[in-house]
């Protein structure tokens, strides 16, 4: 499949069951994009479970809670595509 020039930044804070559920449902729509998951809850590492659902996802677990705006901006800095799309759960 052709990779689309879109980076999808998904900030996550605590609500992991909903996050995993919607990632599973939507993976067929976003798998051609660069998917960046920004976990803003330092007490839970979500890399393993996220990669089980979407192997190509780039997962970043912050060492401390940065807050929504800083977390999203950190995700944008990691993006490599020309277009950024934000999805908040």
C-alpha atoms as a PDB file:
ATOM      1  CA  UNK A   1       0.000   0.000   0.000  1.00  0.00           C
ATOM      2  CA  UNK A   2       1.054   3.546  -0.624  1.00  0.00           C
ATOM      3  CA  UNK A   3       1.833   5.577   2.487  1.00  0.00           C
ATOM      4  CA  UNK A   4      -0.165   8.794   2.681  1.00  0.00           C
ATOM      5  CA  UNK A   5       1.638  12.092   3.470  1.00  0.00           C
ATOM      6  CA  UNK A   6      -0.283  12.437   6.730  1.00  0.00           C
ATOM      7  CA  UNK A   7       0.869  12.191  10.337  1.00  0.00           C
ATOM      8  CA  UNK A   8      -1.899  11.369  12.797  1.00  0.00           C
ATOM      9  CA  UNK A   9      -1.091  12.493  16.320  1.00  0.00           C
ATOM     10  CA  UNK A  10      -3.143  10.830  19.058  1.00  0.00           C
ATOM     11  CA  UNK A  11      -2.625  12.152  22.587  1.00  0.00           C
ATOM     12  CA  UNK A  12      -3.655   9.648  25.259  1.00  0.00           C
ATOM     13  CA  UNK A  13      -4.186  10.200  28.965  1.00  0.00           C
ATOM     14  CA  UNK A  14      -5.395   7.307  31.151  1.00  0.00           C
ATOM     15  CA  UNK A  15      -8.497   6.193  29.186  1.00  0.00           C
ATOM     16  CA  UNK A  16      -6.672   3.202  27.696  1.00  0.00           C
ATOM     17  CA  UNK A  17      -9.557   0.790  27.205  1.00  0.00           C
ATOM     18  CA  UNK A  18     -11.378   3.304  24.991  1.00  0.00           C
ATOM     19  CA  UNK A  19      -8.112   4.133  23.204  1.00  0.00           C
ATOM     20  CA  UNK A  20      -7.381   0.463  22.424  1.00  0.00           C
ATOM     21  CA  UNK A  21     -10.971  -0.140  21.318  1.00  0.00           C
ATOM     22  CA  UNK A  22     -11.011   2.787  18.873  1.00  0.00           C
ATOM     23  CA  UNK A  23      -7.504   2.091  17.617  1.00  0.00           C
ATOM     24  CA  UNK A  24      -8.618  -1.446  16.755  1.00  0.00           C
ATOM     25  CA  UNK A  25     -11.765  -0.192  15.018  1.00  0.00           C
ATOM     26  CA  UNK A  26      -9.953   2.513  13.021  1.00  0.00           C
ATOM     27  CA  UNK A  27      -6.659   0.802  12.175  1.00  0.00           C
ATOM     28  CA  UNK A  28      -7.874  -0.099   8.687  1.00  0.00           C
ATOM     29  CA  UNK A  29      -8.402   3.605   7.954  1.00  0.00           C
ATOM     30  CA  UNK A  30      -5.139   4.916   9.415  1.00  0.00           C
ATOM     31  CA  UNK A  31      -2.645   2.176   8.624  1.00  0.00           C
ATOM     32  CA  UNK A  32      -1.412   4.049   5.502  1.00  0.00           C
ATOM     33  CA  UNK A  33      -0.493   7.084   7.608  1.00  0.00           C
ATOM     34  CA  UNK A  34       2.243   7.828  10.091  1.00  0.00           C
ATOM     35  CA  UNK A  35       0.524   7.249  13.442  1.00  0.00           C
ATOM     36  CA  UNK A  36       2.120   8.904  16.472  1.00  0.00           C
ATOM     37  CA  UNK A  37       0.732   7.990  19.890  1.00  0.00           C
ATOM     38  CA  UNK A  38       1.653  10.424  22.666  1.00  0.00           C
ATOM     39  CA  UNK A  39       1.015   8.874  26.100  1.00  0.00           C
ATOM     40  CA  UNK A  40       0.830  11.622  28.717  1.00  0.00           C
ATOM     41  CA  UNK A  41       0.357   9.368  31.743  1.00  0.00           C
ATOM     42  CA  UNK A  42       3.831   8.432  33.029  1.00  0.00           C
ATOM     43  CA  UNK A  43       2.671   5.517  35.197  1.00  0.00           C
ATOM     44  CA  UNK A  44       1.460   3.340  32.312  1.00  0.00           C
ATOM     45  CA  UNK A  45       3.573   2.177  29.371  1.00  0.00           C
ATOM     46  CA  UNK A  46       1.243   1.480  26.437  1.00  0.00           C
ATOM     47  CA  UNK A  47       3.799   0.488  23.803  1.00  0.00           C
ATOM     48  CA  UNK A  48       3.325  -3.308  23.847  1.00  0.00           C
ATOM     49  CA  UNK A  49      -0.473  -3.356  23.678  1.00  0.00           C
ATOM     50  CA  UNK A  50      -0.558  -0.535  21.095  1.00  0.00           C
ATOM     51  CA  UNK A  51       1.941  -2.350  18.844  1.00  0.00           C
ATOM     52  CA  UNK A  52      -0.188  -5.519  19.078  1.00  0.00           C
ATOM     53  CA  UNK A  53      -3.043  -3.547  17.531  1.00  0.00           C
ATOM     54  CA  UNK A  54      -1.097  -1.355  15.068  1.00  0.00           C
ATOM     55  CA  UNK A  55       2.481  -2.521  14.456  1.00  0.00           C
ATOM     56  CA  UNK A  56       3.481   0.622  12.557  1.00  0.00           C
ATOM     57  CA  UNK A  57       2.449   3.048  15.310  1.00  0.00           C
ATOM     58  CA  UNK A  58       5.160   5.185  16.859  1.00  0.00           C
ATOM     59  CA  UNK A  59       4.513   5.235  20.599  1.00  0.00           C
ATOM     60  CA  UNK A  60       6.049   7.784  22.965  1.00  0.00           C
ATOM     61  CA  UNK A  61       5.532   7.451  26.724  1.00  0.00           C
ATOM     62  CA  UNK A  62       6.244  10.728  28.514  1.00  0.00           C
ATOM     63  CA  UNK A  63       8.227  10.563  31.746  1.00  0.00           C
ATOM     64  CA  UNK A  64       5.875  13.127  33.301  1.00  0.00           C
ATOM     65  CA  UNK A  65       2.466  14.601  32.547  1.00  0.00           C
ATOM     66  CA  UNK A  66       3.070  17.486  30.146  1.00  0.00           C
ATOM     67  CA  UNK A  67      -0.532  18.574  29.627  1.00  0.00           C
ATOM     68  CA  UNK A  68      -2.496  18.463  26.384  1.00  0.00           C
ATOM     69  CA  UNK A  69      -0.889  21.347  24.458  1.00  0.00           C
ATOM     70  CA  UNK A  70       2.729  20.427  25.215  1.00  0.00           C
ATOM     71  CA  UNK A  71       2.038  16.734  24.560  1.00  0.00           C
ATOM     72  CA  UNK A  72       0.468  17.451  21.147  1.00  0.00           C
ATOM     73  CA  UNK A  73       3.254  19.866  20.170  1.00  0.00           C
ATOM     74  CA  UNK A  74       5.825  17.241  21.110  1.00  0.00           C
ATOM     75  CA  UNK A  75       3.992  14.841  18.775  1.00  0.00           C
ATOM     76  CA  UNK A  76       4.051  17.395  15.941  1.00  0.00           C
ATOM     77  CA  UNK A  77       7.825  17.735  16.328  1.00  0.00           C
ATOM     78  CA  UNK A  78       8.152  13.976  15.850  1.00  0.00           C
ATOM     79  CA  UNK A  79       5.991  13.985  12.705  1.00  0.00           C
ATOM     80  CA  UNK A  80       7.742  13.496   9.370  1.00  0.00           C
ATOM     81  CA  UNK A  81       4.815  14.087   6.994  1.00  0.00           C
ATOM     82  CA  UNK A  82       3.609  17.378   5.498  1.00  0.00           C
ATOM     83  CA  UNK A  83       0.103  17.201   6.967  1.00  0.00           C
ATOM     84  CA  UNK A  84      -0.712  16.663  10.652  1.00  0.00           C
ATOM     85  CA  UNK A  85      -4.100  15.431  11.804  1.00  0.00           C
ATOM     86  CA  UNK A  86      -5.026  15.435  15.477  1.00  0.00           C
ATOM     87  CA  UNK A  87      -7.322  12.921  17.067  1.00  0.00           C
ATOM     88  CA  UNK A  88      -8.272  13.217  20.708  1.00  0.00           C
ATOM     89  CA  UNK A  89     -10.003  10.465  22.642  1.00  0.00           C
END
